[in-house]
PDB file of N, CA and C in Angstrom:
ATOM      1  N   UNK A   1      63.572  72.376  88.174  1.00  0.00           N
ATOM      2  CA  UNK A   1      63.702  71.009  88.613  1.00  0.00           C
ATOM      3  C   UNK A   1      65.129  70.510  88.384  1.00  0.00           C
ATOM      4  N   UNK A   2      65.741  70.881  87.273  1.00  0.00           N
ATOM      5  CA  UNK A   2      67.115  70.457  87.038  1.00  0.00           C
ATOM      6  C   UNK A   2      68.059  71.112  88.041  1.00  0.00           C
ATOM      7  N   UNK A   3      67.698  72.310  88.526  1.00  0.00           N
ATOM      8  CA  UNK A   3      68.494  72.966  89.563  1.00  0.00           C
ATOM      9  C   UNK A   3      68.492  72.152  90.842  1.00  0.00           C
ATOM     10  N   UNK A   4      67.376  71.540  91.170  1.00  0.00           N
ATOM     11  CA  UNK A   4      67.278  70.701  92.368  1.00  0.00           C
ATOM     12  C   UNK A   4      68.118  69.450  92.199  1.00  0.00           C
ATOM     13  N   UNK A   5      68.071  68.847  91.036  1.00  0.00           N
ATOM     14  CA  UNK A   5      68.881  67.656  90.788  1.00  0.00           C
ATOM     15  C   UNK A   5      70.365  67.982  90.874  1.00  0.00           C
ATOM     16  N   UNK A   6      70.732  69.110  90.331  1.00  0.00           N
ATOM     17  CA  UNK A   6      72.129  69.529  90.390  1.00  0.00           C
ATOM     18  C   UNK A   6      72.558  69.742  91.839  1.00  0.00           C
ATOM     19  N   UNK A   7      71.696  70.350  92.629  1.00  0.00           N
ATOM     20  CA  UNK A   7      72.002  70.591  94.034  1.00  0.00           C
ATOM     21  C   UNK A   7      72.177  69.263  94.770  1.00  0.00           C
ATOM     22  N   UNK A   8      71.343  68.291  94.512  1.00  0.00           N
ATOM     23  CA  UNK A   8      71.453  66.988  95.173  1.00  0.00           C
ATOM     24  C   UNK A   8      72.743  66.284  94.777  1.00  0.00           C
ATOM     25  N   UNK A   9      73.114  66.381  93.522  1.00  0.00           N
ATOM     26  CA  UNK A   9      74.344  65.751  93.082  1.00  0.00           C
ATOM     27  C   UNK A   9      75.560  66.402  93.731  1.00  0.00           C
ATOM     28  N   UNK A  10      75.532  67.700  93.860  1.00  0.00           N
ATOM     29  CA  UNK A  10      76.642  68.402  94.490  1.00  0.00           C
ATOM     30  C   UNK A  10      76.720  68.030  95.961  1.00  0.00           C
ATOM     31  N   UNK A  11      75.584  67.864  96.632  1.00  0.00           N
ATOM     32  CA  UNK A  11      75.586  67.525  98.052  1.00  0.00           C
ATOM     33  C   UNK A  11      76.016  66.083  98.289  1.00  0.00           C
ATOM     34  N   UNK A  12      75.752  65.185  97.362  1.00  0.00           N
ATOM     35  CA  UNK A  12      76.123  63.786  97.548  1.00  0.00           C
ATOM     36  C   UNK A  12      77.630  63.585  97.459  1.00  0.00           C
ATOM     37  N   UNK A  13      78.293  64.295  96.587  1.00  0.00           N
ATOM     38  CA  UNK A  13      79.735  64.122  96.416  1.00  0.00           C
ATOM     39  C   UNK A  13      80.510  64.450  97.691  1.00  0.00           C
ATOM     40  N   UNK A  14      80.250  65.582  98.362  1.00  0.00           N
ATOM     41  CA  UNK A  14      80.995  65.862  99.583  1.00  0.00           C
ATOM     42  C   UNK A  14      80.729  64.845 100.684  1.00  0.00           C
ATOM     43  N   UNK A  15      79.522  64.284 100.750  1.00  0.00           N
ATOM     44  CA  UNK A  15      79.231  63.301 101.786  1.00  0.00           C
ATOM     45  C   UNK A  15      80.153  62.104 101.642  1.00  0.00           C
ATOM     46  N   UNK A  16      80.353  61.613 100.433  1.00  0.00           N
ATOM     47  CA  UNK A  16      81.286  60.515 100.209  1.00  0.00           C
ATOM     48  C   UNK A  16      82.706  60.918 100.555  1.00  0.00           C
ATOM     49  N   UNK A  17      83.060  62.122 100.190  1.00  0.00           N
ATOM     50  CA  UNK A  17      84.395  62.636 100.497  1.00  0.00           C
ATOM     51  C   UNK A  17      84.580  62.788 102.003  1.00  0.00           C
ATOM     52  N   UNK A  18      83.558  63.318 102.664  1.00  0.00           N
ATOM     53  CA  UNK A  18      83.637  63.505 104.119  1.00  0.00           C
ATOM     54  C   UNK A  18      83.777  62.158 104.808  1.00  0.00           C
ATOM     55  N   UNK A  19      82.995  61.179 104.391  1.00  0.00           N
ATOM     56  CA  UNK A  19      83.103  59.839 104.986  1.00  0.00           C
ATOM     57  C   UNK A  19      84.487  59.243 104.751  1.00  0.00           C
ATOM     58  N   UNK A  20      84.997  59.423 103.551  1.00  0.00           N
ATOM     59  CA  UNK A  20      86.337  58.926 103.237  1.00  0.00           C
ATOM     60  C   UNK A  20      87.396  59.628 104.087  1.00  0.00           C
ATOM     61  N   UNK A  21      87.222  60.939 104.265  1.00  0.00           N
ATOM     62  CA  UNK A  21      88.171  61.709 105.078  1.00  0.00           C
ATOM     63  C   UNK A  21      88.113  61.275 106.542  1.00  0.00           C
ATOM     64  N   UNK A  22      86.907  61.088 107.066  1.00  0.00           N
ATOM     65  CA  UNK A  22      86.751  60.634 108.458  1.00  0.00           C
ATOM     66  C   UNK A  22      87.359  59.249 108.621  1.00  0.00           C
ATOM     67  N   UNK A  23      87.167  58.377 107.663  1.00  0.00           N
ATOM     68  CA  UNK A  23      87.769  57.041 107.716  1.00  0.00           C
ATOM     69  C   UNK A  23      89.293  57.133 107.711  1.00  0.00           C
ATOM     70  N   UNK A  24      89.828  58.033 106.902  1.00  0.00           N
ATOM     71  CA  UNK A  24      91.275  58.263 106.879  1.00  0.00           C
ATOM     72  C   UNK A  24      91.769  58.707 108.253  1.00  0.00           C
ATOM     73  N   UNK A  25      91.056  59.653 108.868  1.00  0.00           N
ATOM     74  CA  UNK A  25      91.442  60.137 110.198  1.00  0.00           C
ATOM     75  C   UNK A  25      91.445  59.006 111.217  1.00  0.00           C
ATOM     76  N   UNK A  26      90.449  58.145 111.142  1.00  0.00           N
ATOM     77  CA  UNK A  26      90.362  57.025 112.093  1.00  0.00           C
ATOM     78  C   UNK A  26      91.429  55.972 111.817  1.00  0.00           C
ATOM     79  N   UNK A  27      91.588  55.611 110.558  1.00  0.00           N
ATOM     80  CA  UNK A  27      92.508  54.533 110.203  1.00  0.00           C
ATOM     81  C   UNK A  27      93.943  54.866 110.586  1.00  0.00           C
ATOM     82  N   UNK A  28      94.355  56.080 110.322  1.00  0.00           N
ATOM     83  CA  UNK A  28      95.739  56.467 110.582  1.00  0.00           C
ATOM     84  C   UNK A  28      95.908  57.248 111.888  1.00  0.00           C
ATOM     85  N   UNK A  29      94.866  57.306 112.693  1.00  0.00           N
ATOM     86  CA  UNK A  29      94.887  57.942 114.012  1.00  0.00           C
ATOM     87  C   UNK A  29      95.480  59.350 113.952  1.00  0.00           C
ATOM     88  N   UNK A  30      95.017  60.106 112.984  1.00  0.00           N
ATOM     89  CA  UNK A  30      95.533  61.452 112.756  1.00  0.00           C
ATOM     90  C   UNK A  30      95.189  62.382 113.918  1.00  0.00           C
ATOM     91  N   UNK A  31      94.018  62.208 114.504  1.00  0.00           N
ATOM     92  CA  UNK A  31      93.621  63.068 115.625  1.00  0.00           C
ATOM     93  C   UNK A  31      94.578  62.867 116.797  1.00  0.00           C
ATOM     94  N   UNK A  32      94.908  61.616 117.098  1.00  0.00           N
ATOM     95  CA  UNK A  32      95.860  61.335 118.174  1.00  0.00           C
ATOM     96  C   UNK A  32      97.222  61.935 117.896  1.00  0.00           C
ATOM     97  N   UNK A  33      97.651  61.863 116.643  1.00  0.00           N
ATOM     98  CA  UNK A  33      98.932  62.468 116.271  1.00  0.00           C
ATOM     99  C   UNK A  33      98.895  63.984 116.417  1.00  0.00           C
ATOM    100  N   UNK A  34      97.776  64.588 116.051  1.00  0.00           N
ATOM    101  CA  UNK A  34      97.649  66.044 116.181  1.00  0.00           C
ATOM    102  C   UNK A  34      97.694  66.460 117.647  1.00  0.00           C
ATOM    103  N   UNK A  35      96.986  65.716 118.496  1.00  0.00           N
ATOM    104  CA  UNK A  35      97.006  66.012 119.931  1.00  0.00           C
ATOM    105  C   UNK A  35      98.418  65.840 120.478  1.00  0.00           C
ATOM    106  N   UNK A  36      99.089  64.762 120.091  1.00  0.00           N
ATOM    107  CA  UNK A  36     100.460  64.525 120.554  1.00  0.00           C
ATOM    108  C   UNK A  36     101.394  65.637 120.088  1.00  0.00           C
ATOM    109  N   UNK A  37     101.198  66.105 118.877  1.00  0.00           N
ATOM    110  CA  UNK A  37     102.027  67.192 118.349  1.00  0.00           C
ATOM    111  C   UNK A  37     101.842  68.470 119.162  1.00  0.00           C
ATOM    112  N   UNK A  38     100.597  68.796 119.468  1.00  0.00           N
ATOM    113  CA  UNK A  38     100.307  70.010 120.237  1.00  0.00           C
ATOM    114  C   UNK A  38     100.874  69.898 121.648  1.00  0.00           C
ATOM    115  N   UNK A  39     100.684  68.748 122.285  1.00  0.00           N
ATOM    116  CA  UNK A  39     101.238  68.540 123.623  1.00  0.00           C
ATOM    117  C   UNK A  39     102.760  68.578 123.571  1.00  0.00           C
ATOM    118  N   UNK A  40     103.334  67.995 122.535  1.00  0.00           N
ATOM    119  CA  UNK A  40     104.786  68.019 122.382  1.00  0.00           C
ATOM    120  C   UNK A  40     105.328  69.425 122.224  1.00  0.00           C
ATOM    121  N   UNK A  41     104.617  70.259 121.475  1.00  0.00           N
ATOM    122  CA  UNK A  41     105.048  71.650 121.306  1.00  0.00           C
ATOM    123  C   UNK A  41     105.000  72.395 122.635  1.00  0.00           C
ATOM    124  N   UNK A  42     103.947  72.156 123.409  1.00  0.00           N
ATOM    125  CA  UNK A  42     103.848  72.804 124.722  1.00  0.00           C
ATOM    126  C   UNK A  42     104.924  72.277 125.667  1.00  0.00           C
ATOM    127  N   UNK A  43     105.183  70.974 125.616  1.00  0.00           N
ATOM    128  CA  UNK A  43     106.219  70.383 126.468  1.00  0.00           C
ATOM    129  C   UNK A  43     107.595  70.916 126.092  1.00  0.00           C
ATOM    130  N   UNK A  44     107.817  71.132 124.815  1.00  0.00           N
ATOM    131  CA  UNK A  44     109.097  71.687 124.369  1.00  0.00           C
ATOM    132  C   UNK A  44     109.318  73.080 124.952  1.00  0.00           C
ATOM    133  N   UNK A  45     108.270  73.891 124.970  1.00  0.00           N
ATOM    134  CA  UNK A  45     108.385  75.222 125.572  1.00  0.00           C
ATOM    135  C   UNK A  45     108.718  75.113 127.055  1.00  0.00           C
ATOM    136  N   UNK A  46     108.068  74.173 127.736  1.00  0.00           N
ATOM    137  CA  UNK A  46     108.314  73.988 129.166  1.00  0.00           C
ATOM    138  C   UNK A  46     109.743  73.527 129.424  1.00  0.00           C
ATOM    139  N   UNK A  47     110.203  72.579 128.636  1.00  0.00           N
ATOM    140  CA  UNK A  47     111.570  72.082 128.803  1.00  0.00           C
ATOM    141  C   UNK A  47     112.581  73.180 128.496  1.00  0.00           C
ATOM    142  N   UNK A  48     112.353  73.943 127.444  1.00  0.00           N
ATOM    143  CA  UNK A  48     113.265  75.034 127.103  1.00  0.00           C
ATOM    144  C   UNK A  48     113.315  76.069 128.224  1.00  0.00           C
ATOM    145  N   UNK A  49     112.163  76.383 128.795  1.00  0.00           N
ATOM    146  CA  UNK A  49     112.137  77.325 129.917  1.00  0.00           C
ATOM    147  C   UNK A  49     112.876  76.750 131.116  1.00  0.00           C
ATOM    148  N   UNK A  50     112.708  75.461 131.377  1.00  0.00           N
ATOM    149  CA  UNK A  50     113.409  74.821 132.492  1.00  0.00           C
ATOM    150  C   UNK A  50     114.913  74.901 132.288  1.00  0.00           C
ATOM    151  N   UNK A  51     115.339  74.585 131.088  1.00  0.00           N
ATOM    152  CA  UNK A  51     116.774  74.624 130.795  1.00  0.00           C
ATOM    153  C   UNK A  51     117.304  76.051 130.898  1.00  0.00           C
ATOM    154  N   UNK A  52     116.631  76.996 130.246  1.00  0.00           N
ATOM    155  CA  UNK A  52     117.120  78.376 130.213  1.00  0.00           C
ATOM    156  C   UNK A  52     117.047  79.070 131.569  1.00  0.00           C
ATOM    157  N   UNK A  53     115.990  78.790 132.333  1.00  0.00           N
ATOM    158  CA  UNK A  53     115.758  79.544 133.561  1.00  0.00           C
ATOM    159  C   UNK A  53     116.284  78.870 134.824  1.00  0.00           C
ATOM    160  N   UNK A  54     116.433  77.548 134.808  1.00  0.00           N
ATOM    161  CA  UNK A  54     116.851  76.851 136.023  1.00  0.00           C
ATOM    162  C   UNK A  54     118.220  76.189 135.920  1.00  0.00           C
ATOM    163  N   UNK A  55     118.491  75.555 134.794  1.00  0.00           N
ATOM    164  CA  UNK A  55     119.741  74.800 134.677  1.00  0.00           C
ATOM    165  C   UNK A  55     120.879  75.679 134.170  1.00  0.00           C
ATOM    166  N   UNK A  56     120.616  76.463 133.161  1.00  0.00           N
ATOM    167  CA  UNK A  56     121.683  77.235 132.549  1.00  0.00           C
ATOM    168  C   UNK A  56     122.263  78.347 133.417  1.00  0.00           C
ATOM    169  N   UNK A  57     121.513  78.929 134.333  1.00  0.00           N
ATOM    170  CA  UNK A  57     122.171  79.885 135.229  1.00  0.00           C
ATOM    171  C   UNK A  57     123.310  79.252 136.034  1.00  0.00           C
ATOM    172  N   UNK A  58     123.173  77.982 136.345  1.00  0.00           N
ATOM    173  CA  UNK A  58     124.251  77.272 137.043  1.00  0.00           C
ATOM    174  C   UNK A  58     125.457  77.139 136.116  1.00  0.00           C
ATOM    175  N   UNK A  59     125.197  76.785 134.862  1.00  0.00           N
ATOM    176  CA  UNK A  59     126.283  76.641 133.891  1.00  0.00           C
ATOM    177  C   UNK A  59     126.898  78.007 133.580  1.00  0.00           C
ATOM    178  N   UNK A  60     126.084  79.060 133.602  1.00  0.00           N
ATOM    179  CA  UNK A  60     126.588  80.407 133.309  1.00  0.00           C
ATOM    180  C   UNK A  60     127.631  80.849 134.326  1.00  0.00           C
ATOM    181  N   UNK A  61     127.547  80.324 135.553  1.00  0.00           N
ATOM    182  CA  UNK A  61     128.553  80.647 136.567  1.00  0.00           C
ATOM    183  C   UNK A  61     129.901  80.077 136.150  1.00  0.00           C
ATOM    184  N   UNK A  62     129.873  78.900 135.528  1.00  0.00           N
ATOM    185  CA  UNK A  62     131.102  78.234 135.100  1.00  0.00           C
ATOM    186  C   UNK A  62     131.675  78.900 133.852  1.00  0.00           C
ATOM    187  N   UNK A  63     130.786  79.266 132.917  1.00  0.00           N
ATOM    188  CA  UNK A  63     131.220  79.865 131.649  1.00  0.00           C
ATOM    189  C   UNK A  63     131.300  81.381 131.824  1.00  0.00           C
ATOM    190  N   UNK A  64     132.468  81.957 131.625  1.00  0.00           N
ATOM    191  CA  UNK A  64     132.593  83.410 131.796  1.00  0.00           C
ATOM    192  C   UNK A  64     131.887  84.175 130.680  1.00  0.00           C
ATOM    193  N   UNK A  65     131.467  85.366 130.987  1.00  0.00           N
ATOM    194  CA  UNK A  65     130.864  86.224 129.970  1.00  0.00           C
ATOM    195  C   UNK A  65     129.358  86.290 130.043  1.00  0.00           C
ATOM    196  N   UNK A  66     128.713  85.431 130.775  1.00  0.00           N
ATOM    197  CA  UNK A  66     127.269  85.492 130.970  1.00  0.00           C
ATOM    198  C   UNK A  66     126.448  84.813 129.891  1.00  0.00           C
ATOM    199  N   UNK A  67     126.642  85.141 128.627  1.00  0.00           N
ATOM    200  CA  UNK A  67     125.836  84.548 127.557  1.00  0.00           C
ATOM    201  C   UNK A  67     126.519  83.275 127.072  1.00  0.00           C
ATOM    202  N   UNK A  68     126.261  82.193 127.766  1.00  0.00           N
ATOM    203  CA  UNK A  68     126.952  80.937 127.487  1.00  0.00           C
ATOM    204  C   UNK A  68     126.561  80.355 126.131  1.00  0.00           C
ATOM    205  N   UNK A  69     125.339  80.622 125.654  1.00  0.00           N
ATOM    206  CA  UNK A  69     124.923  80.071 124.355  1.00  0.00           C
ATOM    207  C   UNK A  69     125.693  80.709 123.198  1.00  0.00           C
ATOM    208  N   UNK A  70     126.316  81.822 123.447  1.00  0.00           N
ATOM    209  CA  UNK A  70     127.114  82.478 122.412  1.00  0.00           C
ATOM    210  C   UNK A  70     128.584  82.074 122.497  1.00  0.00           C
ATOM    211  N   UNK A  71     128.909  81.136 123.384  1.00  0.00           N
ATOM    212  CA  UNK A  71     130.300  80.699 123.537  1.00  0.00           C
ATOM    213  C   UNK A  71     130.799  80.048 122.252  1.00  0.00           C
ATOM    214  N   UNK A  72     131.993  80.448 121.855  1.00  0.00           N
ATOM    215  CA  UNK A  72     132.584  79.972 120.608  1.00  0.00           C
ATOM    216  C   UNK A  72     133.966  79.418 120.906  1.00  0.00           C
ATOM    217  N   UNK A  73     134.295  78.303 120.262  1.00  0.00           N
ATOM    218  CA  UNK A  73     135.632  77.728 120.359  1.00  0.00           C
ATOM    219  C   UNK A  73     136.339  78.009 119.039  1.00  0.00           C
ATOM    220  N   UNK A  74     137.394  78.813 119.096  1.00  0.00           N
ATOM    221  CA  UNK A  74     138.154  79.158 117.892  1.00  0.00           C
ATOM    222  C   UNK A  74     139.317  78.192 117.724  1.00  0.00           C
ATOM    223  N   UNK A  75     139.328  77.505 116.592  1.00  0.00           N
ATOM    224  CA  UNK A  75     140.461  76.653 116.233  1.00  0.00           C
ATOM    225  C   UNK A  75     140.902  77.102 114.844  1.00  0.00           C
ATOM    226  N   UNK A  76     141.944  77.886 114.835  1.00  0.00           N
ATOM    227  CA  UNK A  76     142.395  78.464 113.571  1.00  0.00           C
ATOM    228  C   UNK A  76     141.325  79.386 113.025  1.00  0.00           C
ATOM    229  N   UNK A  77     141.012  79.260 111.741  1.00  0.00           N
ATOM    230  CA  UNK A  77     139.991  80.124 111.144  1.00  0.00           C
ATOM    231  C   UNK A  77     138.561  79.608 111.375  1.00  0.00           C
ATOM    232  N   UNK A  78     138.432  78.453 112.025  1.00  0.00           N
ATOM    233  CA  UNK A  78     137.122  77.829 112.216  1.00  0.00           C
ATOM    234  C   UNK A  78     136.571  78.193 113.592  1.00  0.00           C
ATOM    235  N   UNK A  79     135.289  78.544 113.631  1.00  0.00           N
ATOM    236  CA  UNK A  79     134.616  78.835 114.895  1.00  0.00           C
ATOM    237  C   UNK A  79     133.555  77.771 115.150  1.00  0.00           C
ATOM    238  N   UNK A  80     133.660  77.105 116.296  1.00  0.00           N
ATOM    239  CA  UNK A  80     132.674  76.113 116.698  1.00  0.00           C
ATOM    240  C   UNK A  80     131.741  76.745 117.722  1.00  0.00           C
ATOM    241  N   UNK A  81     130.447  76.692 117.447  1.00  0.00           N
ATOM    242  CA  UNK A  81     129.443  77.283 118.332  1.00  0.00           C
ATOM    243  C   UNK A  81     129.148  76.312 119.478  1.00  0.00           C
ATOM    244  N   UNK A  82     130.070  76.197 120.386  1.00  0.00           N
ATOM    245  CA  UNK A  82     129.983  75.236 121.479  1.00  0.00           C
ATOM    246  C   UNK A  82     128.792  75.522 122.386  1.00  0.00           C
ATOM    247  N   UNK A  83     128.554  76.776 122.714  1.00  0.00           N
ATOM    248  CA  UNK A  83     127.461  77.131 123.619  1.00  0.00           C
ATOM    249  C   UNK A  83     126.109  76.722 123.073  1.00  0.00           C
ATOM    250  N   UNK A  84     125.869  77.006 121.811  1.00  0.00           N
ATOM    251  CA  UNK A  84     124.604  76.637 121.189  1.00  0.00           C
ATOM    252  C   UNK A  84     124.444  75.125 121.149  1.00  0.00           C
ATOM    253  N   UNK A  85     125.524  74.424 120.822  1.00  0.00           N
ATOM    254  CA  UNK A  85     125.480  72.963 120.768  1.00  0.00           C
ATOM    255  C   UNK A  85     125.173  72.377 122.142  1.00  0.00           C
ATOM    256  N   UNK A  86     125.859  72.849 123.162  1.00  0.00           N
ATOM    257  CA  UNK A  86     125.638  72.334 124.519  1.00  0.00           C
ATOM    258  C   UNK A  86     124.205  72.619 124.967  1.00  0.00           C
ATOM    259  N   UNK A  87     123.699  73.803 124.662  1.00  0.00           N
ATOM    260  CA  UNK A  87     122.322  74.137 125.017  1.00  0.00           C
ATOM    261  C   UNK A  87     121.318  73.210 124.359  1.00  0.00           C
ATOM    262  N   UNK A  88     121.503  72.955 123.076  1.00  0.00           N
ATOM    263  CA  UNK A  88     120.598  72.044 122.369  1.00  0.00           C
ATOM    264  C   UNK A  88     120.753  70.613 122.853  1.00  0.00           C
ATOM    265  N   UNK A  89     121.958  70.222 123.203  1.00  0.00           N
ATOM    266  CA  UNK A  89     122.190  68.883 123.744  1.00  0.00           C
ATOM    267  C   UNK A  89     121.473  68.706 125.077  1.00  0.00           C
ATOM    268  N   UNK A  90     121.542  69.707 125.923  1.00  0.00           N
ATOM    269  CA  UNK A  90     120.843  69.638 127.211  1.00  0.00           C
ATOM    270  C   UNK A  90     119.334  69.638 126.999  1.00  0.00           C
ATOM    271  N   UNK A  91     118.833  70.469 126.091  1.00  0.00           N
ATOM    272  CA  UNK A  91     117.401  70.465 125.765  1.00  0.00           C
ATOM    273  C   UNK A  91     116.958  69.073 125.331  1.00  0.00           C
ATOM    274  N   UNK A  92     117.715  68.464 124.425  1.00  0.00           N
ATOM    275  CA  UNK A  92     117.372  67.135 123.925  1.00  0.00           C
ATOM    276  C   UNK A  92     117.376  66.101 125.043  1.00  0.00           C
ATOM    277  N   UNK A  93     118.401  66.132 125.883  1.00  0.00           N
ATOM    278  CA  UNK A  93     118.504  65.153 126.966  1.00  0.00           C
ATOM    279  C   UNK A  93     117.318  65.266 127.919  1.00  0.00           C
ATOM    280  N   UNK A  94     116.908  66.473 128.223  1.00  0.00           N
ATOM    281  CA  UNK A  94     115.771  66.650 129.128  1.00  0.00           C
ATOM    282  C   UNK A  94     114.477  66.192 128.469  1.00  0.00           C
ATOM    283  N   UNK A  95     114.273  66.534 127.196  1.00  0.00           N
ATOM    284  CA  UNK A  95     113.071  66.080 126.487  1.00  0.00           C
ATOM    285  C   UNK A  95     113.031  64.558 126.437  1.00  0.00           C
ATOM    286  N   UNK A  96     114.151  63.925 126.111  1.00  0.00           N
ATOM    287  CA  UNK A  96     114.205  62.463 126.046  1.00  0.00           C
ATOM    288  C   UNK A  96     113.910  61.852 127.410  1.00  0.00           C
ATOM    289  N   UNK A  97     114.448  62.428 128.475  1.00  0.00           N
ATOM    290  CA  UNK A  97     114.197  61.920 129.823  1.00  0.00           C
ATOM    291  C   UNK A  97     112.729  62.058 130.204  1.00  0.00           C
ATOM    292  N   UNK A  98     112.137  63.203 129.913  1.00  0.00           N
ATOM    293  CA  UNK A  98     110.727  63.414 130.238  1.00  0.00           C
ATOM    294  C   UNK A  98     109.846  62.442 129.464  1.00  0.00           C
ATOM    295  N   UNK A  99     110.118  62.253 128.182  1.00  0.00           N
ATOM    296  CA  UNK A  99     109.335  61.304 127.382  1.00  0.00           C
ATOM    297  C   UNK A  99     109.496  59.894 127.923  1.00  0.00           C
ATOM    298  N   UNK A 100     110.714  59.504 128.263  1.00  0.00           N
ATOM    299  CA  UNK A 100     110.959  58.185 128.830  1.00  0.00           C
ATOM    300  C   UNK A 100     110.154  57.986 130.109  1.00  0.00           C
ATOM    301  N   UNK A 101     110.175  58.967 130.994  1.00  0.00           N
ATOM    302  CA  UNK A 101     109.452  58.844 132.262  1.00  0.00           C
ATOM    303  C   UNK A 101     107.944  58.774 132.048  1.00  0.00           C
ATOM    304  N   UNK A 102     107.428  59.556 131.110  1.00  0.00           N
ATOM    305  CA  UNK A 102     105.992  59.516 130.824  1.00  0.00           C
ATOM    306  C   UNK A 102     105.597  58.157 130.266  1.00  0.00           C
ATOM    307  N   UNK A 103     106.355  57.651 129.295  1.00  0.00           N
ATOM    308  CA  UNK A 103     106.049  56.340 128.707  1.00  0.00           C
ATOM    309  C   UNK A 103     106.165  55.250 129.761  1.00  0.00           C
ATOM    310  N   UNK A 104     107.174  55.317 130.592  1.00  0.00           N
ATOM    311  CA  UNK A 104     107.357  54.323 131.648  1.00  0.00           C
ATOM    312  C   UNK A 104     106.174  54.347 132.611  1.00  0.00           C
ATOM    313  N   UNK A 105     105.708  55.531 132.972  1.00  0.00           N
ATOM    314  CA  UNK A 105     104.568  55.662 133.869  1.00  0.00           C
ATOM    315  C   UNK A 105     103.299  55.120 133.223  1.00  0.00           C
ATOM    316  N   UNK A 106     103.075  55.451 131.957  1.00  0.00           N
ATOM    317  CA  UNK A 106     101.868  55.000 131.262  1.00  0.00           C
ATOM    318  C   UNK A 106     101.882  53.491 131.074  1.00  0.00           C
ATOM    319  N   UNK A 107     103.036  52.918 130.753  1.00  0.00           N
ATOM    320  CA  UNK A 107     103.139  51.484 130.491  1.00  0.00           C
ATOM    321  C   UNK A 107     103.240  50.659 131.774  1.00  0.00           C
ATOM    322  N   UNK A 108     103.281  51.302 132.916  1.00  0.00           N
ATOM    323  CA  UNK A 108     103.459  50.614 134.184  1.00  0.00           C
ATOM    324  C   UNK A 108     102.400  49.536 134.409  1.00  0.00           C
ATOM    325  N   UNK A 109     101.162  49.812 134.068  1.00  0.00           N
ATOM    326  CA  UNK A 109     100.093  48.853 134.277  1.00  0.00           C
ATOM    327  C   UNK A 109     100.026  47.772 133.220  1.00  0.00           C
ATOM    328  N   UNK A 110     100.694  47.952 132.100  1.00  0.00           N
ATOM    329  CA  UNK A 110     100.660  46.991 130.998  1.00  0.00           C
ATOM    330  C   UNK A 110     101.852  46.051 131.124  1.00  0.00           C
ATOM    331  N   UNK A 111     101.603  44.825 131.565  1.00  0.00           N
ATOM    332  CA  UNK A 111     102.696  43.873 131.790  1.00  0.00           C
ATOM    333  C   UNK A 111     103.134  43.168 130.518  1.00  0.00           C
ATOM    334  N   UNK A 112     102.403  43.338 129.408  1.00  0.00           N
ATOM    335  CA  UNK A 112     102.765  42.652 128.168  1.00  0.00           C
ATOM    336  C   UNK A 112     103.828  43.399 127.381  1.00  0.00           C
ATOM    337  N   UNK A 113     104.040  44.675 127.673  1.00  0.00           N
ATOM    338  CA  UNK A 113     105.003  45.469 126.915  1.00  0.00           C
ATOM    339  C   UNK A 113     106.176  45.838 127.795  1.00  0.00           C
ATOM    340  N   UNK A 114     107.361  45.810 127.202  1.00  0.00           N
ATOM    341  CA  UNK A 114     108.558  46.230 127.912  1.00  0.00           C
ATOM    342  C   UNK A 114     109.056  47.529 127.322  1.00  0.00           C
ATOM    343  N   UNK A 115     109.659  48.321 128.166  1.00  0.00           N
ATOM    344  CA  UNK A 115     110.231  49.589 127.703  1.00  0.00           C
ATOM    345  C   UNK A 115     111.685  49.365 127.392  1.00  0.00           C
TER     346      UNK A 115
END
């Protein structure tokens, strides 16, 4: 009989914890953040592929040597990784533009908020 009481006590504690955890998920919208994170990771892959496969071949024509991301600017003993910086800058600009366009499209019907 004491084994049954112990089992009931053990089962009651997780129920309170589970309810508290579910409330935490709802209050701080953790599920929405997780979905946004996953979509963002997939969008990042898409943007990187767009930059690497569509935009950068055009830039590669301008930059001699073919591997433009490995382009280095030597100033004395210092080497600046210009190619890598430019690539990341273009990636960022495209991601920011895509996010802006998505938010603008979603907020289009909401006249109370301005972008």
